[in-house]
Each structure stands twice: as C-alpha cells, then as structure tokens.
Protein backbone atom coordinates (compact mmCIF):
# COMPACT_ATOMS: atom_id res chain seq x y z
CA MET A 1 -0.47 -0.40 -0.02
CA GLY A 2 2.64 2.77 -0.80
CA SER A 3 4.46 5.25 0.89
CA PHE A 4 2.37 2.93 4.16
CA ASN A 5 4.93 0.08 3.18
CA LEU A 6 1.85 -2.91 3.84
CA ASP A 7 1.21 -6.12 1.94
CA LEU A 8 -2.39 -6.38 2.84
CA PRO A 9 -4.23 -10.00 1.20
CA ALA A 10 -7.35 -9.97 -0.32
CA GLU A 11 -9.35 -10.99 2.89
CA THR A 12 -8.23 -8.55 4.56
CA VAL A 13 -8.76 -6.36 2.48
CA SER A 14 -11.76 -6.81 1.78
CA ARG A 15 -12.76 -6.78 6.09
CA LEU A 16 -11.06 -3.35 6.33
CA GLY A 17 -14.29 -2.53 3.81
CA GLU A 18 -16.89 -4.64 5.85
CA TYR A 19 -16.20 -2.34 8.41
CA TYR A 20 -16.54 0.88 6.36
CA SER A 21 -19.59 -0.13 4.84
CA LEU A 22 -20.49 -0.45 8.85
CA LEU A 23 -19.52 2.84 9.51
CA THR A 24 -21.06 4.95 7.26
CA ARG A 25 -23.96 3.59 7.28
CA TRP A 26 -23.55 4.21 11.45
CA ASN A 27 -22.15 7.47 10.58
CA ASP A 28 -24.48 9.74 10.58
CA ARG A 29 -26.70 8.89 13.35
CA LEU A 30 -23.20 9.60 15.37
CA HIS A 31 -20.78 10.98 13.67
CA LEU A 32 -18.37 8.48 14.69
CA VAL A 33 -15.37 9.93 11.80
CA ALA A 34 -15.66 13.28 9.80
CA PRO A 35 -16.85 12.63 7.02
CA CYS A 36 -15.16 12.18 3.79
CA SER A 37 -14.38 10.34 0.91
CA PRO A 38 -13.83 6.42 0.50
CA GLU A 39 -10.81 7.46 -0.66
CA GLU A 40 -9.74 9.17 1.97
CA PHE A 41 -10.77 6.70 4.54
CA ALA A 42 -8.72 4.22 3.22
CA VAL A 43 -5.88 6.63 3.72
CA ARG A 44 -7.07 8.75 6.40
CA HIS A 45 -8.37 6.22 8.94
CA VAL A 46 -7.69 2.71 7.53
CA LEU A 47 -3.79 2.90 7.16
CA GLU A 48 -2.48 5.61 9.26
CA SER A 49 -4.64 3.33 12.02
CA LEU A 50 -2.23 -0.30 10.98
CA LEU A 51 0.72 2.44 11.03
CA LEU A 52 0.19 0.59 13.95
CA LEU A 53 1.48 -3.43 13.42
CA GLN A 54 4.60 -2.72 13.27
CA HIS A 55 5.10 -1.68 16.40
CA LEU A 56 3.12 -4.52 17.96
CA PRO A 57 4.64 -7.82 18.57
CA PRO A 58 3.03 -10.61 18.62
CA GLY A 59 0.16 -11.21 20.22
CA ALA A 60 0.50 -7.92 22.12
CA ARG A 61 -2.14 -7.03 23.94
CA VAL A 62 -4.00 -3.52 23.49
CA VAL A 63 -6.21 -0.47 25.02
CA ASP A 64 -6.93 1.54 22.54
CA ILE A 65 -9.03 4.81 24.16
CA GLY A 66 -11.60 7.32 22.64
CA SER A 67 -11.81 3.98 20.93
CA GLY A 68 -15.10 6.10 19.06
CA GLY A 69 -15.91 4.97 15.71
CA GLY A 70 -13.43 2.03 15.76
CA LEU A 71 -10.08 3.78 14.80
CA PRO A 72 -7.20 2.90 15.19
CA ILE A 73 -7.15 -0.31 16.84
CA ILE A 74 -10.44 -2.27 14.75
CA PRO A 75 -8.52 -2.37 10.78
CA CYS A 76 -5.14 -3.49 13.24
CA LEU A 77 -7.38 -6.58 15.00
CA ILE A 78 -9.00 -7.73 11.00
CA ALA A 79 -6.01 -6.68 10.33
CA ARG A 80 -3.36 -9.12 12.74
CA ALA A 81 -6.04 -12.21 14.24
CA ASP A 82 -2.98 -12.55 16.82
CA LEU A 83 -4.06 -9.10 18.82
CA GLN A 84 -6.34 -8.49 21.67
CA ALA A 85 -8.28 -4.76 23.04
CA THR A 86 -9.81 -4.10 25.50
CA LEU A 87 -11.61 -0.52 23.58
CA ILE A 88 -12.99 2.00 25.63
CA GLU A 89 -15.50 4.60 24.71
CA SER A 90 -16.89 6.35 27.40
CA SER A 91 -20.61 7.26 24.46
CA GLN A 92 -22.46 4.24 25.62
CA LYS A 93 -23.67 4.63 21.67
CA LYS A 94 -20.33 4.80 20.38
CA ALA A 95 -20.05 1.29 22.60
CA VAL A 96 -22.70 -0.25 20.99
CA PHE A 97 -21.78 0.12 17.24
CA LEU A 98 -17.66 -0.58 18.85
CA ARG A 99 -19.60 -4.36 19.89
CA GLU A 100 -20.97 -4.32 16.42
CA ALA A 101 -18.30 -3.72 14.68
CA SER A 102 -15.77 -6.10 16.49
CA ARG A 103 -17.98 -9.41 16.61
CA SER A 104 -15.63 -11.46 15.32
CA LEU A 105 -12.06 -9.37 16.78
CA GLN A 106 -10.38 -10.42 19.97
CA ALA A 107 -12.41 -7.36 20.84
CA THR A 108 -13.50 -6.38 25.07
CA ILE A 109 -15.86 -3.43 24.51
CA ILE A 110 -16.03 -1.21 27.68
CA ALA A 111 -18.95 2.33 28.02
CA GLN A 112 -16.94 4.40 30.72
CA ARG A 113 -14.62 6.80 30.53
CA PHE A 114 -10.66 5.99 30.28
CA GLU A 115 -10.54 7.43 34.23
CA GLN A 116 -13.48 5.42 35.94
CA VAL A 117 -11.66 1.85 34.94
CA ASP A 118 -8.88 -0.09 36.87
CA PRO A 119 -5.77 -0.65 33.29
CA PRO A 120 -6.75 -4.41 32.06
CA PRO A 121 -2.94 -5.53 31.62
CA VAL A 122 -2.11 -4.91 28.00
CA ASP A 123 1.15 -4.20 26.92
CA PHE A 124 -0.09 -1.32 25.10
CA ILE A 125 -2.13 1.22 25.61
CA THR A 126 -3.28 3.08 21.92
CA CYS A 127 -5.76 6.89 21.15
CA ARG A 128 -6.29 8.06 18.37
CA ALA A 129 -9.17 10.79 18.66
CA LEU A 130 -9.33 11.74 22.48
CA ASP A 131 -11.64 14.40 23.35
CA GLN A 132 -9.46 16.90 25.14
CA PHE A 133 -6.49 14.93 24.57
CA THR A 134 -4.03 17.01 25.61
CA GLN A 135 -5.40 18.62 28.54
CA LYS A 136 -5.87 14.18 29.06
CA LEU A 137 -2.26 13.49 28.62
CA PRO A 138 -0.74 13.78 32.62
CA ALA A 139 -4.30 11.59 33.56
CA LEU A 140 -3.72 8.81 30.57
CA ILE A 141 0.42 8.73 31.26
CA ASN A 142 -0.33 7.89 35.17
CA TRP A 143 -3.49 5.64 34.36
CA ALA A 144 -1.44 3.31 31.74
CA GLY A 145 1.26 3.03 34.87
CA GLY A 146 4.93 2.63 32.02
CA LYS A 147 2.84 0.64 29.28
CA THR A 148 3.98 1.90 25.57
CA LEU A 149 1.47 4.87 25.25
CA LEU A 150 1.56 3.89 21.11
CA LEU A 151 -0.42 8.12 20.65
CA PHE A 152 -1.09 10.03 17.57
CA GLY A 153 -1.18 13.59 17.22
CA GLY A 154 1.05 16.63 15.92
CA GLU A 155 2.87 19.38 17.54
CA SER A 156 0.75 20.31 20.49
CA LEU A 157 0.35 16.42 21.48
CA ARG A 158 3.96 16.88 21.29
CA GLU A 159 4.79 19.39 23.07
CA GLU A 160 2.38 17.82 25.60
CA LEU A 161 4.63 15.32 26.07
CA ARG A 162 7.79 16.65 26.39
CA LYS A 163 6.11 19.09 29.31
CA ALA A 164 5.03 15.58 31.18
CA ASN A 165 9.09 14.71 31.08
CA VAL A 166 7.63 11.29 28.80
CA THR A 167 10.84 10.28 26.47
CA PHE A 168 8.95 9.51 23.11
CA GLU A 169 9.36 8.64 19.64
CA ALA A 170 7.80 10.10 16.64
CA PHE A 171 7.26 9.07 13.51
CA LEU A 172 5.75 11.52 10.48
CA ILE A 173 3.14 10.24 8.90
CA PRO A 174 3.19 9.67 5.53
CA GLN A 175 0.70 11.58 2.48
CA SER A 176 1.25 14.21 6.22
CA GLU A 177 4.03 17.08 7.61
CA LYS A 178 2.38 17.69 10.83
CA ARG A 179 0.46 14.40 11.97
CA PHE A 180 2.61 12.24 14.20
CA LEU A 181 2.34 8.83 15.62
CA PHE A 182 4.21 9.00 19.27
CA LEU A 183 5.63 5.84 20.33
CA ALA A 184 6.54 7.02 24.31
CA ALA A 185 8.08 4.58 26.89
CA ASP A 186 9.10 4.23 30.53
C-alpha cells in the first residue's frame, strides 16, 4: 500500500471494506468520523491506523482509549488475528457500534471513561482522537502505569509529552507534514 509499506491479503482488504460499510451506515447518527471520501477514509483512517502494526509484537494486548469509531484498533484487529484489545469509549451509543464492529474480533468493549476503569492487563495503550486529548494526557500517562503508549497527534501532543517529561519517538505519518505516531515508553 504505497508509502505505508503494507502488503495486505485480499481477504483483509475485503474485511476492511466491510468495516468501512458498517461505519458509514452508523456515521450519520453517531458522528464516528468526519465525512470524507472512501479514498480519504482508506488513507487517513485505515492505513494510518495500521501503522501501529509495526510496533505490536505477536500476541500483543492493547487497550484503545476513546475508541469512537474503532480507530485505530479495529483495522489492526482485522489485519492481525493474534492481537487482543480492550476498547474504552465513554459514549454508550458509540460502544454499541463498537460491539457490532468487533463481533468476530478478539475485543472487549468498556463503555466508560478511562479514568473510571482499572487499567486492564495489557502491553500497549493507544489513542487517536480522545476528546480534550492534550488536557487528559497527564491522567492517561498516570493511568498507563509505565505501559508503552502509541499516540497519534501533532505538535501540540509533542509539546505535552515534553512537558510531562516522557521519553518518546515521533514517526511522521506518510502523506502528512504534521501528524505523527508517538511511541512513548518508560
């Protein structure tokens, strides 16, 4: 898949297409993602989400905070059956969508704010579009308890990670000039 260095089997591409169809059917009611073309969805949402795969070893256990429409973790679960995930989403309505979208995947859905949940036994924590992300970052770092963070964001997130004295690497997202995947580990 071009600059993303992905080689996805036809079955995976088909399942990602099914996920897109389901998400678009629910999107008008729940506002899961901003309206966009199928091509933009494939690049900006699916391929960007799949960047996580190069950082997740076989059998990795992941918690996704603020899952919303399932990004970034549902495309990863579709592409890699060995992954296990807990999706934490505060919106009850969006959690219903996540249950539907993850039926055949190794996923647990928790419909609460992450601050109200004991951290599950995972290796990685990811977050892509948490409401008030930079304000909640200190609480997320504390909640993570030293687990590896995989966070999507821009310069404001980079600055907040620096302020929090977190050691991190930043990977520029292909076809972007200012969006990054930040890998932070204690």
